[in-house]
Amino acid sequence: MPLFLLLFVGLPLIELYLLIEVGSVIGALPTIALSILTALIGGTLVRIQGFSVLMRVRDAMARNEVPALELLDGALLLMAGLLLLLPGLVTDVVGFVLLVPVLRRLLIARYVRILPGGPPSGQGPTGADQRVIEGEFRHERD
């Protein structure tokens, strides 16, 4: 509960404070233009990287692999796009950080490492192929 309070009350107040401070230094119209410009640039970058992730998902599915890591990458891109569309400086900085592919991969690797089940089947945190299927079988004839 305190996290949601901080997220929905604290973050907008911080954003408002920073926008007022920046507006008092560079002016109101340049501040508004900066907010619109970051949304446009961020939206373009998200779209370009989103198509790249879509192609990697398609290639993984063509190889009959589960594109779990690619889908996590796409989810982080979606979050980056949302943050870049919101007016504010803190959300823009976090959104642009999520647009850096290396940082997204590090974040995904950390997330995959802390999951109880470990990495998704066939992929380690580094993306290396680690397919091991343990089990027993018996051959039945029809």
C-alpha atoms as a PDB file:
ATOM      1  CA  MET A   1       0.000   0.000   0.000  1.00  0.00           C
ATOM      2  CA  PRO A   2       2.728   2.575   0.771  1.00  0.00           C
ATOM      3  CA  LEU A   3       4.318   1.836  -2.611  1.00  0.00           C
ATOM      4  CA  PHE A   4       1.089   2.702  -4.442  1.00  0.00           C
ATOM      5  CA  LEU A   5       0.703   5.859  -2.361  1.00  0.00           C
ATOM      6  CA  LEU A   6       4.229   6.889  -3.248  1.00  0.00           C
ATOM      7  CA  LEU A   7       3.694   5.999  -6.901  1.00  0.00           C
ATOM      8  CA  PHE A   8       0.345   7.749  -7.406  1.00  0.00           C
ATOM      9  CA  VAL A   9       0.838  10.736  -5.099  1.00  0.00           C
ATOM     10  CA  GLY A  10       4.575  11.208  -4.627  1.00  0.00           C
ATOM     11  CA  LEU A  11       5.703  10.811  -8.242  1.00  0.00           C
ATOM     12  CA  PRO A  12       3.227  13.334  -9.695  1.00  0.00           C
ATOM     13  CA  LEU A  13       4.198  15.840  -7.006  1.00  0.00           C
ATOM     14  CA  ILE A  14       7.889  15.391  -7.826  1.00  0.00           C
ATOM     15  CA  GLU A  15       7.115  15.734 -11.537  1.00  0.00           C
ATOM     16  CA  LEU A  16       5.091  18.887 -10.930  1.00  0.00           C
ATOM     17  CA  TYR A  17       7.846  20.407  -8.799  1.00  0.00           C
ATOM     18  CA  LEU A  18      10.500  19.668 -11.446  1.00  0.00           C
ATOM     19  CA  LEU A  19       8.330  21.042 -14.256  1.00  0.00           C
ATOM     20  CA  ILE A  20       7.768  24.259 -12.303  1.00  0.00           C
ATOM     21  CA  GLU A  21      11.499  24.597 -11.593  1.00  0.00           C
ATOM     22  CA  VAL A  22      12.482  23.949 -15.207  1.00  0.00           C
ATOM     23  CA  GLY A  23       9.717  26.275 -16.395  1.00  0.00           C
ATOM     24  CA  SER A  24      10.996  29.069 -14.164  1.00  0.00           C
ATOM     25  CA  VAL A  25      14.490  28.667 -15.672  1.00  0.00           C
ATOM     26  CA  ILE A  26      13.738  28.198 -19.385  1.00  0.00           C
ATOM     27  CA  GLY A  27      10.147  29.474 -19.576  1.00  0.00           C
ATOM     28  CA  ALA A  28       6.716  27.916 -19.851  1.00  0.00           C
ATOM     29  CA  LEU A  29       6.538  27.410 -23.628  1.00  0.00           C
ATOM     30  CA  PRO A  30       9.996  25.812 -23.961  1.00  0.00           C
ATOM     31  CA  THR A  31       9.087  23.479 -21.078  1.00  0.00           C
ATOM     32  CA  ILE A  32       5.887  22.429 -22.846  1.00  0.00           C
ATOM     33  CA  ALA A  33       7.797  22.045 -26.118  1.00  0.00           C
ATOM     34  CA  LEU A  34      10.409  19.902 -24.342  1.00  0.00           C
ATOM     35  CA  SER A  35       7.685  17.642 -22.973  1.00  0.00           C
ATOM     36  CA  ILE A  36       6.092  17.246 -26.412  1.00  0.00           C
ATOM     37  CA  LEU A  37       9.477  16.701 -28.074  1.00  0.00           C
ATOM     38  CA  THR A  38      10.445  13.907 -25.667  1.00  0.00           C
ATOM     39  CA  ALA A  39       7.090  12.225 -26.312  1.00  0.00           C
ATOM     40  CA  LEU A  40       7.591  12.396 -30.099  1.00  0.00           C
ATOM     41  CA  ILE A  41      11.211  11.207 -30.044  1.00  0.00           C
ATOM     42  CA  GLY A  42      10.428   8.497 -27.515  1.00  0.00           C
ATOM     43  CA  GLY A  43       7.406   7.283 -29.475  1.00  0.00           C
ATOM     44  CA  THR A  44       9.486   7.012 -32.637  1.00  0.00           C
ATOM     45  CA  LEU A  45      12.265   5.108 -30.876  1.00  0.00           C
ATOM     46  CA  VAL A  46       9.769   2.766 -29.199  1.00  0.00           C
ATOM     47  CA  ARG A  47       8.138   2.035 -32.556  1.00  0.00           C
ATOM     48  CA  ILE A  48      11.481   1.260 -34.232  1.00  0.00           C
ATOM     49  CA  GLN A  49      12.678  -0.969 -31.394  1.00  0.00           C
ATOM     50  CA  GLY A  50       9.235  -2.567 -31.139  1.00  0.00           C
ATOM     51  CA  PHE A  51       9.456  -3.741 -34.751  1.00  0.00           C
ATOM     52  CA  SER A  52      12.870  -5.214 -33.966  1.00  0.00           C
ATOM     53  CA  VAL A  53      11.442  -7.127 -31.006  1.00  0.00           C
ATOM     54  CA  LEU A  54       8.521  -8.279 -33.161  1.00  0.00           C
ATOM     55  CA  MET A  55      10.942  -9.682 -35.742  1.00  0.00           C
ATOM     56  CA  ARG A  56      12.880 -11.528 -33.012  1.00  0.00           C
ATOM     57  CA  VAL A  57       9.611 -12.994 -31.678  1.00  0.00           C
ATOM     58  CA  ARG A  58       8.669 -14.121 -35.169  1.00  0.00           C
ATOM     59  CA  ASP A  59      12.104 -15.691 -35.733  1.00  0.00           C
ATOM     60  CA  ALA A  60      11.959 -17.528 -32.391  1.00  0.00           C
ATOM     61  CA  MET A  61       8.516 -18.889 -33.189  1.00  0.00           C
ATOM     62  CA  ALA A  62       9.705 -19.975 -36.632  1.00  0.00           C
ATOM     63  CA  ARG A  63      12.415 -22.008 -34.856  1.00  0.00           C
ATOM     64  CA  ASN A  64       9.693 -23.537 -32.612  1.00  0.00           C
ATOM     65  CA  GLU A  65      11.069 -21.755 -29.525  1.00  0.00           C
ATOM     66  CA  VAL A  66       9.116 -19.930 -26.858  1.00  0.00           C
ATOM     67  CA  PRO A  67       9.927 -16.207 -27.214  1.00  0.00           C
ATOM     68  CA  ALA A  68       9.724 -15.550 -23.457  1.00  0.00           C
ATOM     69  CA  LEU A  69      12.690 -13.201 -23.197  1.00  0.00           C
ATOM     70  CA  GLU A  70      11.624 -11.323 -26.308  1.00  0.00           C
ATOM     71  CA  LEU A  71       8.155 -10.844 -24.820  1.00  0.00           C
ATOM     72  CA  LEU A  72       9.690  -9.448 -21.633  1.00  0.00           C
ATOM     73  CA  ASP A  73      11.746  -7.118 -23.807  1.00  0.00           C
ATOM     74  CA  GLY A  74       8.549  -6.009 -25.544  1.00  0.00           C
ATOM     75  CA  ALA A  75       6.815  -5.443 -22.208  1.00  0.00           C
ATOM     76  CA  LEU A  76       9.647  -3.184 -21.076  1.00  0.00           C
ATOM     77  CA  LEU A  77       9.412  -1.297 -24.369  1.00  0.00           C
ATOM     78  CA  LEU A  78       5.695  -0.843 -23.780  1.00  0.00           C
ATOM     79  CA  MET A  79       6.444   0.517 -20.321  1.00  0.00           C
ATOM     80  CA  ALA A  80       9.071   2.856 -21.802  1.00  0.00           C
ATOM     81  CA  GLY A  81       6.541   4.157 -24.315  1.00  0.00           C
ATOM     82  CA  LEU A  82       3.970   4.790 -21.603  1.00  0.00           C
ATOM     83  CA  LEU A  83       6.494   6.622 -19.440  1.00  0.00           C
ATOM     84  CA  LEU A  84       7.614   8.760 -22.370  1.00  0.00           C
ATOM     85  CA  LEU A  85       4.046   9.770 -23.165  1.00  0.00           C
ATOM     86  CA  LEU A  86       3.411  10.943 -19.607  1.00  0.00           C
ATOM     87  CA  PRO A  87       4.387  14.565 -19.071  1.00  0.00           C
ATOM     88  CA  GLY A  88       7.299  14.975 -16.700  1.00  0.00           C
ATOM     89  CA  LEU A  89      11.038  14.802 -16.480  1.00  0.00           C
ATOM     90  CA  VAL A  90      11.488  11.811 -14.165  1.00  0.00           C
ATOM     91  CA  THR A  91       9.213   9.586 -16.257  1.00  0.00           C
ATOM     92  CA  ASP A  92      11.033  10.724 -19.418  1.00  0.00           C
ATOM     93  CA  VAL A  93      14.427   9.838 -17.962  1.00  0.00           C
ATOM     94  CA  VAL A  94      13.213   6.391 -16.847  1.00  0.00           C
ATOM     95  CA  GLY A  95      11.537   5.877 -20.249  1.00  0.00           C
ATOM     96  CA  PHE A  96      14.708   6.756 -22.155  1.00  0.00           C
ATOM     97  CA  VAL A  97      16.757   4.478 -19.871  1.00  0.00           C
ATOM     98  CA  LEU A  98      14.383   1.615 -20.732  1.00  0.00           C
ATOM     99  CA  LEU A  99      15.023   2.312 -24.428  1.00  0.00           C
ATOM    100  CA  VAL A 100      18.675   1.284 -24.072  1.00  0.00           C
ATOM    101  CA  PRO A 101      18.747  -2.394 -25.186  1.00  0.00           C
ATOM    102  CA  VAL A 102      21.711  -3.342 -22.979  1.00  0.00           C
ATOM    103  CA  LEU A 103      20.003  -1.991 -19.863  1.00  0.00           C
ATOM    104  CA  ARG A 104      16.763  -3.791 -20.766  1.00  0.00           C
ATOM    105  CA  ARG A 105      18.651  -7.070 -21.125  1.00  0.00           C
ATOM    106  CA  LEU A 106      20.349  -6.564 -17.756  1.00  0.00           C
ATOM    107  CA  LEU A 107      16.980  -5.847 -16.149  1.00  0.00           C
ATOM    108  CA  ILE A 108      15.443  -8.949 -17.756  1.00  0.00           C
ATOM    109  CA  ALA A 109      18.423 -11.077 -16.690  1.00  0.00           C
ATOM    110  CA  ARG A 110      18.008  -9.890 -13.114  1.00  0.00           C
ATOM    111  CA  TYR A 111      14.259 -10.569 -13.231  1.00  0.00           C
ATOM    112  CA  VAL A 112      14.713 -14.036 -14.702  1.00  0.00           C
ATOM    113  CA  ARG A 113      17.347 -14.848 -12.083  1.00  0.00           C
ATOM    114  CA  ILE A 114      14.983 -14.057  -9.174  1.00  0.00           C
ATOM    115  CA  LEU A 115      12.049 -16.057 -10.511  1.00  0.00           C
ATOM    116  CA  PRO A 116      11.396 -19.222  -8.487  1.00  0.00           C
ATOM    117  CA  GLY A 117      11.386 -21.433 -11.589  1.00  0.00           C
ATOM    118  CA  GLY A 118      14.593 -19.970 -12.981  1.00  0.00           C
ATOM    119  CA  PRO A 119      15.056 -19.003 -16.597  1.00  0.00           C
ATOM    120  CA  PRO A 120      12.412 -19.930 -19.149  1.00  0.00           C
ATOM    121  CA  SER A 121      12.962 -23.237 -20.896  1.00  0.00           C
ATOM    122  CA  GLY A 122      15.815 -23.101 -23.351  1.00  0.00           C
ATOM    123  CA  GLN A 123      17.168 -19.722 -22.380  1.00  0.00           C
ATOM    124  CA  GLY A 124      19.541 -18.645 -19.654  1.00  0.00           C
ATOM    125  CA  PRO A 125      19.881 -15.078 -18.403  1.00  0.00           C
ATOM    126  CA  THR A 126      22.481 -14.425 -21.090  1.00  0.00           C
ATOM    127  CA  GLY A 127      20.342 -15.895 -23.845  1.00  0.00           C
ATOM    128  CA  ALA A 128      22.619 -18.928 -24.293  1.00  0.00           C
ATOM    129  CA  ASP A 129      20.947 -22.141 -25.334  1.00  0.00           C
ATOM    130  CA  GLN A 130      20.723 -24.468 -22.312  1.00  0.00           C
ATOM    131  CA  ARG A 131      18.161 -27.069 -23.312  1.00  0.00           C
ATOM    132  CA  VAL A 132      18.120 -29.992 -20.925  1.00  0.00           C
ATOM    133  CA  ILE A 133      15.066 -32.189 -20.685  1.00  0.00           C
ATOM    134  CA  GLU A 134      15.121 -34.688 -17.870  1.00  0.00           C
ATOM    135  CA  GLY A 135      12.612 -37.463 -17.600  1.00  0.00           C
ATOM    136  CA  GLU A 136      11.751 -41.051 -18.311  1.00  0.00           C
ATOM    137  CA  PHE A 137      10.115 -42.507 -21.345  1.00  0.00           C
ATOM    138  CA  ARG A 138       8.915 -45.794 -22.642  1.00  0.00           C
ATOM    139  CA  HIS A 139       8.348 -46.723 -26.207  1.00  0.00           C
ATOM    140  CA  GLU A 140       4.861 -48.025 -26.978  1.00  0.00           C
ATOM    141  CA  ARG A 141       3.924 -49.643 -30.228  1.00  0.00           C
ATOM    142  CA  ASP A 142       0.465 -49.065 -31.681  1.00  0.00           C
END
